[in-house]
Amino acid sequence: MILFKKINQSLVKEIVSKRYDPDIDMFERKDFCPSKIYHTYISGEYRIPPTESQYKGLFFESKLLGATAKGDKVLDIPYLKNGNIPVDYERILKQVDAAKVTFLTNQIMVYPSMNCQIPLSYYDENLDIIITAELDIFPTTIMHEGTIKNTIIDLKLTANVHSTYGDYSWGDLTYMDFIQADAYMYLVNAIFSSDENIEICKKLNPNFDYKYIFSFNNVNNIRENGILFHYVVFGYTDSDKFPIQEQKKIIERVWTKDKQYDMIKRFAYATAILKEEEERGWETNPDFNRCKNCPISNRCRDAQIQEKC
């Protein structure tokens, strides 16, 4: 059985909510299935298929950056029965071209073989865990308040950047979970803070060429000037109210000590919970809504495949 040694922000979000419970002075623990977490996140032997909206995002990312996370490429268009391209995909392809213009006008540098889909790993001694991430575009410059700054870019695709409905609505950031941005800034600052951490990162990712990422200029620049984080968000809705030409946003995640503290607190709590679940043997926690889309439901004896009321 694979040991639990690594954690990333996606896994933390599966375990610990961003909602804070003042009664226990801690973020709320989510209801999850330890067995599913083990097989999909820890051992990695199963992957959860992307939803339709996620597939569109992966397609957009592949077209713009040349690949998605872990070097995968999603380039197949689900053509209609008559052989035509779905309208959404026609609009997404338009946004690929619009994104290239946005990058140029904002001094965002994209080099597919050098600064796209960058894996980073950092051993956090306090948490006794390896924190990992894969950054869409890093490092790059950006025109920020009239000056050139260093930043991390995370690319997002959504139906409508102006929508205020749901937990992932870019039209209202009130309820968004920004642990990804906070974790990425923390990770970059920690790794670039010392030559030792840089070497550890290289050893933990032996198949990646860090020649450009850890070049003398990049390391010194980030050590001296720090790092920012920006979401670059595109939508593919095209209507009179929300024309596709206005379906883009650049959003900065502003670093503060409180945000970093909360991020570390969630990582620490998730790590502690998962270590406990490892000791218990990654037990199952069946629920119809979880089991129906679980990649291991066909081999799990406890899977709840019958809906009940």
C-alpha atoms as a PDB file:
ATOM      1  CA  MET A   1       0.000   0.000   0.000  1.00  0.00           C
ATOM      2  CA  ILE A   2       1.286   3.460  -0.943  1.00  0.00           C
ATOM      3  CA  LEU A   3       2.114   5.612   2.068  1.00  0.00           C
ATOM      4  CA  PHE A   4       0.582   9.062   2.518  1.00  0.00           C
ATOM      5  CA  LYS A   5       3.528  11.407   2.013  1.00  0.00           C
ATOM      6  CA  LYS A   6       2.245  14.187  -0.259  1.00  0.00           C
ATOM      7  CA  ILE A   7      -0.621  16.658  -0.230  1.00  0.00           C
ATOM      8  CA  ASN A   8      -1.814  19.423  -2.530  1.00  0.00           C
ATOM      9  CA  GLN A   9      -4.480  22.107  -2.388  1.00  0.00           C
ATOM     10  CA  SER A  10      -6.992  20.014  -4.341  1.00  0.00           C
ATOM     11  CA  LEU A  11      -6.770  17.236  -1.761  1.00  0.00           C
ATOM     12  CA  VAL A  12      -7.081  19.712   1.114  1.00  0.00           C
ATOM     13  CA  LYS A  13     -10.343  21.015  -0.400  1.00  0.00           C
ATOM     14  CA  GLU A  14     -11.703  17.460  -0.408  1.00  0.00           C
ATOM     15  CA  ILE A  15     -11.018  17.106   3.327  1.00  0.00           C
ATOM     16  CA  VAL A  16     -11.357  20.524   4.964  1.00  0.00           C
ATOM     17  CA  SER A  17     -13.871  23.228   4.102  1.00  0.00           C
ATOM     18  CA  LYS A  18     -13.050  26.920   3.951  1.00  0.00           C
ATOM     19  CA  ARG A  19     -15.955  27.461   6.346  1.00  0.00           C
ATOM     20  CA  TYR A  20     -14.753  28.273   9.837  1.00  0.00           C
ATOM     21  CA  ASP A  21     -16.408  26.897  12.969  1.00  0.00           C
ATOM     22  CA  PRO A  22     -15.776  29.338  15.841  1.00  0.00           C
ATOM     23  CA  ASP A  23     -17.031  26.817  18.410  1.00  0.00           C
ATOM     24  CA  ILE A  24     -14.045  24.552  17.775  1.00  0.00           C
ATOM     25  CA  ASP A  25     -11.711  27.296  16.499  1.00  0.00           C
ATOM     26  CA  MET A  26     -11.072  25.297  13.327  1.00  0.00           C
ATOM     27  CA  PHE A  27     -12.223  24.911   9.749  1.00  0.00           C
ATOM     28  CA  GLU A  28     -15.020  22.408   9.201  1.00  0.00           C
ATOM     29  CA  ARG A  29     -14.177  18.838   8.318  1.00  0.00           C
ATOM     30  CA  LYS A  30     -15.936  17.591   5.191  1.00  0.00           C
ATOM     31  CA  ASP A  31     -17.805  14.314   4.839  1.00  0.00           C
ATOM     32  CA  PHE A  32     -15.663  12.169   2.528  1.00  0.00           C
ATOM     33  CA  CYS A  33     -14.794   8.561   1.729  1.00  0.00           C
ATOM     34  CA  PRO A  34     -11.241   7.701   2.878  1.00  0.00           C
ATOM     35  CA  SER A  35     -11.077   4.721   0.510  1.00  0.00           C
ATOM     36  CA  LYS A  36     -11.930   6.900  -2.484  1.00  0.00           C
ATOM     37  CA  ILE A  37      -9.367   9.475  -1.378  1.00  0.00           C
ATOM     38  CA  TYR A  38      -6.702   6.783  -1.127  1.00  0.00           C
ATOM     39  CA  HIS A  39      -7.319   5.251  -4.558  1.00  0.00           C
ATOM     40  CA  THR A  40      -7.648   8.589  -6.394  1.00  0.00           C
ATOM     41  CA  TYR A  41      -5.243  10.934  -4.572  1.00  0.00           C
ATOM     42  CA  ILE A  42      -2.763   8.850  -2.566  1.00  0.00           C
ATOM     43  CA  SER A  43      -2.039   5.823  -4.747  1.00  0.00           C
ATOM     44  CA  GLY A  44      -3.180   7.547  -7.934  1.00  0.00           C
ATOM     45  CA  GLU A  45      -4.258   4.228  -9.440  1.00  0.00           C
ATOM     46  CA  TYR A  46      -7.648   5.646 -10.433  1.00  0.00           C
ATOM     47  CA  ARG A  47      -8.541   9.016 -11.899  1.00  0.00           C
ATOM     48  CA  ILE A  48     -11.913  10.694 -11.626  1.00  0.00           C
ATOM     49  CA  PRO A  49     -13.164  11.466 -15.161  1.00  0.00           C
ATOM     50  CA  PRO A  50     -13.621  15.192 -15.844  1.00  0.00           C
ATOM     51  CA  THR A  51     -17.110  16.632 -15.930  1.00  0.00           C
ATOM     52  CA  GLU A  52     -18.310  18.292 -19.120  1.00  0.00           C
ATOM     53  CA  SER A  53     -17.321  21.748 -17.867  1.00  0.00           C
ATOM     54  CA  GLN A  54     -13.934  20.463 -16.656  1.00  0.00           C
ATOM     55  CA  TYR A  55     -13.294  18.857 -20.046  1.00  0.00           C
ATOM     56  CA  LYS A  56     -13.912  22.204 -21.741  1.00  0.00           C
ATOM     57  CA  GLY A  57     -11.387  23.802 -19.387  1.00  0.00           C
ATOM     58  CA  LEU A  58      -8.807  21.126 -20.155  1.00  0.00           C
ATOM     59  CA  PHE A  59      -9.417  21.587 -23.886  1.00  0.00           C
ATOM     60  CA  PHE A  60      -8.919  25.353 -23.558  1.00  0.00           C
ATOM     61  CA  GLU A  61      -5.745  24.878 -21.530  1.00  0.00           C
ATOM     62  CA  SER A  62      -4.322  22.342 -23.992  1.00  0.00           C
ATOM     63  CA  LYS A  63      -4.961  24.629 -26.953  1.00  0.00           C
ATOM     64  CA  LEU A  64      -3.440  27.659 -25.231  1.00  0.00           C
ATOM     65  CA  LEU A  65      -0.525  26.170 -23.278  1.00  0.00           C
ATOM     66  CA  GLY A  66       0.154  23.003 -25.246  1.00  0.00           C
ATOM     67  CA  ALA A  67      -0.811  20.672 -22.379  1.00  0.00           C
ATOM     68  CA  THR A  68      -2.710  20.330 -19.124  1.00  0.00           C
ATOM     69  CA  ALA A  69      -1.377  19.147 -15.772  1.00  0.00           C
ATOM     70  CA  LYS A  70       1.146  16.287 -15.878  1.00  0.00           C
ATOM     71  CA  GLY A  71       1.721  16.889 -19.584  1.00  0.00           C
ATOM     72  CA  ASP A  72      -1.665  15.522 -20.668  1.00  0.00           C
ATOM     73  CA  LYS A  73      -3.384  16.919 -23.746  1.00  0.00           C
ATOM     74  CA  VAL A  74      -7.127  17.226 -24.297  1.00  0.00           C
ATOM     75  CA  LEU A  75      -7.630  18.169 -27.935  1.00  0.00           C
ATOM     76  CA  ASP A  76     -10.610  16.075 -29.048  1.00  0.00           C
ATOM     77  CA  ILE A  77     -13.787  17.991 -29.836  1.00  0.00           C
ATOM     78  CA  PRO A  78     -17.065  16.108 -29.162  1.00  0.00           C
ATOM     79  CA  TYR A  79     -18.558  16.762 -32.588  1.00  0.00           C
ATOM     80  CA  LEU A  80     -22.319  16.823 -33.097  1.00  0.00           C
ATOM     81  CA  LYS A  81     -24.063  13.986 -34.926  1.00  0.00           C
ATOM     82  CA  ASN A  82     -24.129  16.098 -38.100  1.00  0.00           C
ATOM     83  CA  GLY A  83     -20.365  16.530 -37.915  1.00  0.00           C
ATOM     84  CA  ASN A  84     -20.449  20.179 -36.842  1.00  0.00           C
ATOM     85  CA  ILE A  85     -18.443  21.680 -33.987  1.00  0.00           C
ATOM     86  CA  PRO A  86     -20.626  22.486 -30.950  1.00  0.00           C
ATOM     87  CA  VAL A  87     -21.193  26.211 -30.486  1.00  0.00           C
ATOM     88  CA  ASP A  88     -19.437  26.200 -27.101  1.00  0.00           C
ATOM     89  CA  TYR A  89     -16.254  24.833 -28.675  1.00  0.00           C
ATOM     90  CA  GLU A  90     -16.362  27.387 -31.495  1.00  0.00           C
ATOM     91  CA  ARG A  91     -16.472  30.099 -28.852  1.00  0.00           C
ATOM     92  CA  ILE A  92     -13.726  28.452 -26.779  1.00  0.00           C
ATOM     93  CA  LEU A  93     -11.444  28.421 -29.827  1.00  0.00           C
ATOM     94  CA  LYS A  94     -12.152  32.150 -30.261  1.00  0.00           C
ATOM     95  CA  GLN A  95     -11.158  32.669 -26.635  1.00  0.00           C
ATOM     96  CA  VAL A  96      -7.869  30.856 -27.219  1.00  0.00           C
ATOM     97  CA  ASP A  97      -6.965  33.585 -29.725  1.00  0.00           C
ATOM     98  CA  ALA A  98      -8.317  36.288 -27.404  1.00  0.00           C
ATOM     99  CA  ALA A  99      -6.176  34.913 -24.572  1.00  0.00           C
ATOM    100  CA  LYS A 100      -3.022  35.230 -26.658  1.00  0.00           C
ATOM    101  CA  VAL A 101      -3.785  38.910 -27.228  1.00  0.00           C
ATOM    102  CA  THR A 102      -4.534  39.372 -23.519  1.00  0.00           C
ATOM    103  CA  PHE A 103      -1.189  37.839 -22.634  1.00  0.00           C
ATOM    104  CA  LEU A 104       0.668  40.185 -24.983  1.00  0.00           C
ATOM    105  CA  THR A 105      -1.079  43.358 -23.822  1.00  0.00           C
ATOM    106  CA  ASN A 106      -0.441  42.493 -20.164  1.00  0.00           C
ATOM    107  CA  GLN A 107       3.211  41.435 -20.610  1.00  0.00           C
ATOM    108  CA  ILE A 108       2.442  37.820 -19.660  1.00  0.00           C
ATOM    109  CA  MET A 109       5.144  35.605 -21.120  1.00  0.00           C
ATOM    110  CA  VAL A 110       4.134  32.071 -22.184  1.00  0.00           C
ATOM    111  CA  TYR A 111       6.799  29.557 -23.227  1.00  0.00           C
ATOM    112  CA  PRO A 112       5.077  26.136 -23.497  1.00  0.00           C
ATOM    113  CA  SER A 113       8.271  24.114 -23.121  1.00  0.00           C
ATOM    114  CA  MET A 114       9.769  26.300 -20.383  1.00  0.00           C
ATOM    115  CA  ASN A 115       7.293  27.960 -18.011  1.00  0.00           C
ATOM    116  CA  CYS A 116       4.002  26.080 -18.461  1.00  0.00           C
ATOM    117  CA  GLN A 117       2.655  23.287 -16.223  1.00  0.00           C
ATOM    118  CA  ILE A 118       5.495  23.526 -13.700  1.00  0.00           C
ATOM    119  CA  PRO A 119       5.586  20.879 -10.933  1.00  0.00           C
ATOM    120  CA  LEU A 120       6.818  22.122  -7.567  1.00  0.00           C
ATOM    121  CA  SER A 121       7.408  20.143  -4.358  1.00  0.00           C
ATOM    122  CA  TYR A 122       8.382  21.345  -0.899  1.00  0.00           C
ATOM    123  CA  TYR A 123       8.962  19.330   2.253  1.00  0.00           C
ATOM    124  CA  ASP A 124       7.309  21.231   5.095  1.00  0.00           C
ATOM    125  CA  GLU A 125       9.100  20.229   8.312  1.00  0.00           C
ATOM    126  CA  ASN A 126       6.405  21.666  10.563  1.00  0.00           C
ATOM    127  CA  LEU A 127       3.673  19.603   8.903  1.00  0.00           C
ATOM    128  CA  ASP A 128       5.988  16.660   8.144  1.00  0.00           C
ATOM    129  CA  ILE A 129       4.516  16.398   4.650  1.00  0.00           C
ATOM    130  CA  ILE A 130       5.512  17.164   1.070  1.00  0.00           C
ATOM    131  CA  ILE A 131       3.357  19.906  -0.427  1.00  0.00           C
ATOM    132  CA  THR A 132       3.024  19.664  -4.198  1.00  0.00           C
ATOM    133  CA  ALA A 133       1.560  21.828  -6.950  1.00  0.00           C
ATOM    134  CA  GLU A 134       1.538  22.229 -10.700  1.00  0.00           C
ATOM    135  CA  LEU A 135       1.538  25.846 -11.845  1.00  0.00           C
ATOM    136  CA  ASP A 136      -0.053  26.754 -15.182  1.00  0.00           C
ATOM    137  CA  ILE A 137       2.361  29.584 -16.025  1.00  0.00           C
ATOM    138  CA  PHE A 138       5.403  30.316 -13.855  1.00  0.00           C
ATOM    139  CA  PRO A 139       7.463  32.374 -13.657  1.00  0.00           C
ATOM    140  CA  THR A 140       6.213  35.183 -15.832  1.00  0.00           C
ATOM    141  CA  THR A 141       6.054  38.920 -15.804  1.00  0.00           C
ATOM    142  CA  ILE A 142       2.810  40.906 -15.742  1.00  0.00           C
ATOM    143  CA  MET A 143       1.968  44.577 -16.082  1.00  0.00           C
ATOM    144  CA  HIS A 144       0.766  45.311 -12.574  1.00  0.00           C
ATOM    145  CA  GLU A 145      -0.401  48.803 -11.609  1.00  0.00           C
ATOM    146  CA  GLY A 146       1.893  50.401 -14.165  1.00  0.00           C
ATOM    147  CA  THR A 147       5.032  48.368 -13.400  1.00  0.00           C
ATOM    148  CA  ILE A 148       6.388  44.944 -14.371  1.00  0.00           C
ATOM    149  CA  LYS A 149       6.109  42.341 -11.606  1.00  0.00           C
ATOM    150  CA  ASN A 150       6.782  38.614 -11.204  1.00  0.00           C
ATOM    151  CA  THR A 151       3.699  36.452 -10.930  1.00  0.00           C
ATOM    152  CA  ILE A 152       2.098  33.026 -11.046  1.00  0.00           C
ATOM    153  CA  ILE A 153      -0.725  32.704 -13.572  1.00  0.00           C
ATOM    154  CA  ASP A 154      -3.579  30.277 -13.109  1.00  0.00           C
ATOM    155  CA  LEU A 155      -5.779  29.915 -16.161  1.00  0.00           C
ATOM    156  CA  LYS A 156      -9.515  29.421 -15.729  1.00  0.00           C
ATOM    157  CA  LEU A 157     -12.367  28.803 -18.163  1.00  0.00           C
ATOM    158  CA  THR A 158     -15.982  29.295 -17.143  1.00  0.00           C
ATOM    159  CA  ALA A 159     -19.282  29.665 -18.956  1.00  0.00           C
ATOM    160  CA  ASN A 160     -19.760  33.293 -17.916  1.00  0.00           C
ATOM    161  CA  VAL A 161     -17.186  35.368 -16.028  1.00  0.00           C
ATOM    162  CA  HIS A 162     -19.966  37.722 -14.901  1.00  0.00           C
ATOM    163  CA  SER A 163     -22.141  35.023 -13.320  1.00  0.00           C
ATOM    164  CA  THR A 164     -22.874  35.374  -9.609  1.00  0.00           C
ATOM    165  CA  TYR A 165     -24.480  31.944  -9.210  1.00  0.00           C
ATOM    166  CA  GLY A 166     -22.797  29.008  -7.464  1.00  0.00           C
ATOM    167  CA  ASP A 167     -19.581  28.389  -5.536  1.00  0.00           C
ATOM    168  CA  TYR A 168     -17.392  28.898  -8.613  1.00  0.00           C
ATOM    169  CA  SER A 169     -18.862  32.173  -9.869  1.00  0.00           C
ATOM    170  CA  TRP A 170     -16.258  34.669 -11.008  1.00  0.00           C
ATOM    171  CA  GLY A 171     -18.826  37.472 -10.992  1.00  0.00           C
ATOM    172  CA  ASP A 172     -18.952  37.395  -7.183  1.00  0.00           C
ATOM    173  CA  LEU A 173     -15.774  36.366  -5.380  1.00  0.00           C
ATOM    174  CA  THR A 174     -17.366  36.346  -1.922  1.00  0.00           C
ATOM    175  CA  TYR A 175     -17.713  32.587  -1.630  1.00  0.00           C
ATOM    176  CA  MET A 176     -14.763  31.458  -3.740  1.00  0.00           C
ATOM    177  CA  ASP A 177     -12.102  29.263  -2.155  1.00  0.00           C
ATOM    178  CA  PHE A 178      -8.685  30.806  -2.842  1.00  0.00           C
ATOM    179  CA  ILE A 179      -6.515  28.231  -1.081  1.00  0.00           C
ATOM    180  CA  GLN A 180      -4.901  27.436  -4.436  1.00  0.00           C
ATOM    181  CA  ALA A 181      -3.490  30.940  -4.817  1.00  0.00           C
ATOM    182  CA  ASP A 182      -2.364  31.150  -1.190  1.00  0.00           C
ATOM    183  CA  ALA A 183      -0.711  27.722  -1.362  1.00  0.00           C
ATOM    184  CA  TYR A 184       1.100  28.488  -4.620  1.00  0.00           C
ATOM    185  CA  MET A 185       2.573  31.745  -3.305  1.00  0.00           C
ATOM    186  CA  TYR A 186       3.628  30.003  -0.093  1.00  0.00           C
ATOM    187  CA  LEU A 187       5.208  27.170  -2.060  1.00  0.00           C
ATOM    188  CA  VAL A 188       7.171  29.432  -4.416  1.00  0.00           C
ATOM    189  CA  ASN A 189       8.441  31.644  -1.602  1.00  0.00           C
ATOM    190  CA  ALA A 190       9.472  28.612   0.461  1.00  0.00           C
ATOM    191  CA  ILE A 191      11.294  26.827  -2.367  1.00  0.00           C
ATOM    192  CA  PHE A 192      13.052  29.907  -3.724  1.00  0.00           C
ATOM    193  CA  SER A 193      14.113  31.008  -0.251  1.00  0.00           C
ATOM    194  CA  SER A 194      17.091  28.644  -0.150  1.00  0.00           C
ATOM    195  CA  ASP A 195      19.342  26.634  -2.448  1.00  0.00           C
ATOM    196  CA  GLU A 196      18.643  23.570  -0.303  1.00  0.00           C
ATOM    197  CA  ASN A 197      14.900  23.753  -0.952  1.00  0.00           C
ATOM    198  CA  ILE A 198      15.538  24.194  -4.661  1.00  0.00           C
ATOM    199  CA  GLU A 199      17.646  21.022  -4.718  1.00  0.00           C
ATOM    200  CA  ILE A 200      14.980  19.110  -2.784  1.00  0.00           C
ATOM    201  CA  CYS A 201      12.384  20.200  -5.321  1.00  0.00           C
ATOM    202  CA  LYS A 202      14.595  18.932  -8.150  1.00  0.00           C
ATOM    203  CA  LYS A 203      15.110  15.569  -6.442  1.00  0.00           C
ATOM    204  CA  LEU A 204      11.386  15.143  -5.837  1.00  0.00           C
ATOM    205  CA  ASN A 205      10.704  15.770  -9.548  1.00  0.00           C
ATOM    206  CA  PRO A 206      13.658  14.040 -11.265  1.00  0.00           C
ATOM    207  CA  ASN A 207      12.037  13.894 -14.715  1.00  0.00           C
ATOM    208  CA  PHE A 208      11.452  17.637 -15.024  1.00  0.00           C
ATOM    209  CA  ASP A 209      14.026  20.027 -16.461  1.00  0.00           C
ATOM    210  CA  TYR A 210      14.258  23.032 -14.116  1.00  0.00           C
ATOM    211  CA  LYS A 211      17.044  24.762 -16.034  1.00  0.00           C
ATOM    212  CA  TYR A 212      14.870  27.771 -16.863  1.00  0.00           C
ATOM    213  CA  ILE A 213      12.747  27.823 -13.688  1.00  0.00           C
ATOM    214  CA  PHE A 214      15.730  27.869 -11.342  1.00  0.00           C
ATOM    215  CA  SER A 215      17.957  29.999 -13.537  1.00  0.00           C
ATOM    216  CA  PHE A 216      20.197  32.525 -11.767  1.00  0.00           C
ATOM    217  CA  ASN A 217      18.054  35.455 -12.943  1.00  0.00           C
ATOM    218  CA  ASN A 218      14.732  33.905 -11.917  1.00  0.00           C
ATOM    219  CA  VAL A 219      15.949  32.865  -8.479  1.00  0.00           C
ATOM    220  CA  ASN A 220      17.498  36.231  -7.680  1.00  0.00           C
ATOM    221  CA  ASN A 221      14.518  38.134  -9.075  1.00  0.00           C
ATOM    222  CA  ILE A 222      12.011  36.253  -6.924  1.00  0.00           C
ATOM    223  CA  ARG A 223      14.208  36.428  -3.830  1.00  0.00           C
ATOM    224  CA  GLU A 224      14.559  40.184  -4.202  1.00  0.00           C
ATOM    225  CA  ASN A 225      11.094  41.143  -5.431  1.00  0.00           C
ATOM    226  CA  GLY A 226       8.789  38.342  -4.316  1.00  0.00           C
ATOM    227  CA  ILE A 227       5.951  36.782  -6.270  1.00  0.00           C
ATOM    228  CA  LEU A 228       2.343  37.721  -7.047  1.00  0.00           C
ATOM    229  CA  PHE A 229      -0.577  35.523  -8.098  1.00  0.00           C
ATOM    230  CA  HIS A 230      -3.156  36.250 -10.782  1.00  0.00           C
ATOM    231  CA  TYR A 231      -6.148  34.327 -12.062  1.00  0.00           C
ATOM    232  CA  VAL A 232      -6.735  34.887 -15.776  1.00  0.00           C
ATOM    233  CA  VAL A 233     -10.343  33.914 -16.418  1.00  0.00           C
ATOM    234  CA  PHE A 234     -12.153  33.532 -19.747  1.00  0.00           C
ATOM    235  CA  GLY A 235     -15.793  32.751 -20.466  1.00  0.00           C
ATOM    236  CA  TYR A 236     -17.483  31.391 -23.576  1.00  0.00           C
ATOM    237  CA  THR A 237     -21.003  32.819 -23.212  1.00  0.00           C
ATOM    238  CA  ASP A 238     -21.960  35.149 -26.065  1.00  0.00           C
ATOM    239  CA  SER A 239     -25.149  37.162 -25.674  1.00  0.00           C
ATOM    240  CA  ASP A 240     -26.403  40.735 -25.923  1.00  0.00           C
ATOM    241  CA  LYS A 241     -25.985  41.155 -22.172  1.00  0.00           C
ATOM    242  CA  PHE A 242     -22.670  39.279 -21.965  1.00  0.00           C
ATOM    243  CA  PRO A 243     -20.824  39.528 -25.324  1.00  0.00           C
ATOM    244  CA  ILE A 244     -17.860  37.210 -25.739  1.00  0.00           C
ATOM    245  CA  GLN A 245     -15.514  40.176 -26.205  1.00  0.00           C
ATOM    246  CA  GLU A 246     -16.116  41.030 -22.540  1.00  0.00           C
ATOM    247  CA  GLN A 247     -15.697  37.483 -21.270  1.00  0.00           C
ATOM    248  CA  LYS A 248     -12.323  37.918 -19.602  1.00  0.00           C
ATOM    249  CA  LYS A 249     -10.953  38.977 -16.233  1.00  0.00           C
ATOM    250  CA  ILE A 250      -7.559  39.273 -14.561  1.00  0.00           C
ATOM    251  CA  ILE A 251      -7.857  38.949 -10.787  1.00  0.00           C
ATOM    252  CA  GLU A 252      -5.012  39.385  -8.317  1.00  0.00           C
ATOM    253  CA  ARG A 253      -4.968  37.370  -5.114  1.00  0.00           C
ATOM    254  CA  VAL A 254      -3.429  39.752  -2.598  1.00  0.00           C
ATOM    255  CA  TRP A 255      -1.069  38.094  -0.095  1.00  0.00           C
ATOM    256  CA  THR A 256      -1.534  38.734   3.632  1.00  0.00           C
ATOM    257  CA  LYS A 257      -0.199  37.004   6.734  1.00  0.00           C
ATOM    258  CA  ASP A 258      -3.741  36.096   7.812  1.00  0.00           C
ATOM    259  CA  LYS A 259      -4.514  34.411   4.492  1.00  0.00           C
ATOM    260  CA  GLN A 260      -1.275  32.444   4.627  1.00  0.00           C
ATOM    261  CA  TYR A 261      -1.952  31.430   8.232  1.00  0.00           C
ATOM    262  CA  ASP A 262      -5.435  30.158   7.339  1.00  0.00           C
ATOM    263  CA  MET A 263      -4.046  28.239   4.370  1.00  0.00           C
ATOM    264  CA  ILE A 264      -1.382  26.538   6.515  1.00  0.00           C
ATOM    265  CA  LYS A 265      -4.003  25.779   9.166  1.00  0.00           C
ATOM    266  CA  ARG A 266      -6.195  23.990   6.606  1.00  0.00           C
ATOM    267  CA  PHE A 267      -3.209  22.036   5.257  1.00  0.00           C
ATOM    268  CA  ALA A 268      -2.223  21.023   8.807  1.00  0.00           C
ATOM    269  CA  TYR A 269      -5.748  19.909   9.699  1.00  0.00           C
ATOM    270  CA  ALA A 270      -6.168  17.951   6.447  1.00  0.00           C
ATOM    271  CA  THR A 271      -2.774  16.295   6.943  1.00  0.00           C
ATOM    272  CA  ALA A 272      -3.658  15.251  10.499  1.00  0.00           C
ATOM    273  CA  ILE A 273      -7.030  13.844   9.380  1.00  0.00           C
ATOM    274  CA  LEU A 274      -5.486  11.863   6.520  1.00  0.00           C
ATOM    275  CA  LYS A 275      -2.775  10.416   8.761  1.00  0.00           C
ATOM    276  CA  GLU A 276      -5.515   9.196  11.092  1.00  0.00           C
ATOM    277  CA  GLU A 277      -7.403   7.653   8.162  1.00  0.00           C
ATOM    278  CA  GLU A 278      -4.202   5.947   7.029  1.00  0.00           C
ATOM    279  CA  GLU A 279      -3.840   4.337  10.464  1.00  0.00           C
ATOM    280  CA  ARG A 280      -7.443   3.101  10.187  1.00  0.00           C
ATOM    281  CA  GLY A 281      -6.714   1.509   6.812  1.00  0.00           C
ATOM    282  CA  TRP A 282      -8.590   3.942   4.555  1.00  0.00           C
ATOM    283  CA  GLU A 283     -12.068   2.699   5.464  1.00  0.00           C
ATOM    284  CA  THR A 284     -15.071   3.196   3.183  1.00  0.00           C
ATOM    285  CA  ASN A 285     -17.784   5.780   3.816  1.00  0.00           C
ATOM    286  CA  PRO A 286     -20.466   4.910   1.244  1.00  0.00           C
ATOM    287  CA  ASP A 287     -23.016   7.429   0.042  1.00  0.00           C
ATOM    288  CA  PHE A 288     -25.035   7.239  -3.173  1.00  0.00           C
ATOM    289  CA  ASN A 289     -24.005  10.681  -4.447  1.00  0.00           C
ATOM    290  CA  ARG A 290     -20.326   9.863  -3.853  1.00  0.00           C
ATOM    291  CA  CYS A 291     -20.479   6.284  -5.071  1.00  0.00           C
ATOM    292  CA  LYS A 292     -22.330   6.917  -8.343  1.00  0.00           C
ATOM    293  CA  ASN A 293     -19.342   8.725  -9.872  1.00  0.00           C
ATOM    294  CA  CYS A 294     -16.587   6.915  -7.989  1.00  0.00           C
ATOM    295  CA  PRO A 295     -14.048   5.164 -10.274  1.00  0.00           C
ATOM    296  CA  ILE A 296     -13.726   2.243  -7.843  1.00  0.00           C
ATOM    297  CA  SER A 297     -17.436   1.646  -7.182  1.00  0.00           C
ATOM    298  CA  ASN A 298     -17.410  -1.502  -9.336  1.00  0.00           C
ATOM    299  CA  ARG A 299     -14.817  -3.135  -7.064  1.00  0.00           C
ATOM    300  CA  CYS A 300     -15.890  -1.684  -3.722  1.00  0.00           C
ATOM    301  CA  ARG A 301     -18.033  -4.106  -1.719  1.00  0.00           C
ATOM    302  CA  ASP A 302     -19.560  -1.247   0.280  1.00  0.00           C
ATOM    303  CA  ALA A 303     -20.505   0.935  -2.707  1.00  0.00           C
ATOM    304  CA  GLN A 304     -24.014   2.327  -2.446  1.00  0.00           C
ATOM    305  CA  ILE A 305     -25.288   2.035  -6.016  1.00  0.00           C
ATOM    306  CA  GLN A 306     -28.987   2.040  -5.180  1.00  0.00           C
ATOM    307  CA  GLU A 307     -30.546   5.415  -4.465  1.00  0.00           C
ATOM    308  CA  LYS A 308     -32.688   5.417  -1.343  1.00  0.00           C
ATOM    309  CA  CYS A 309     -35.275   7.740   0.163  1.00  0.00           C
END
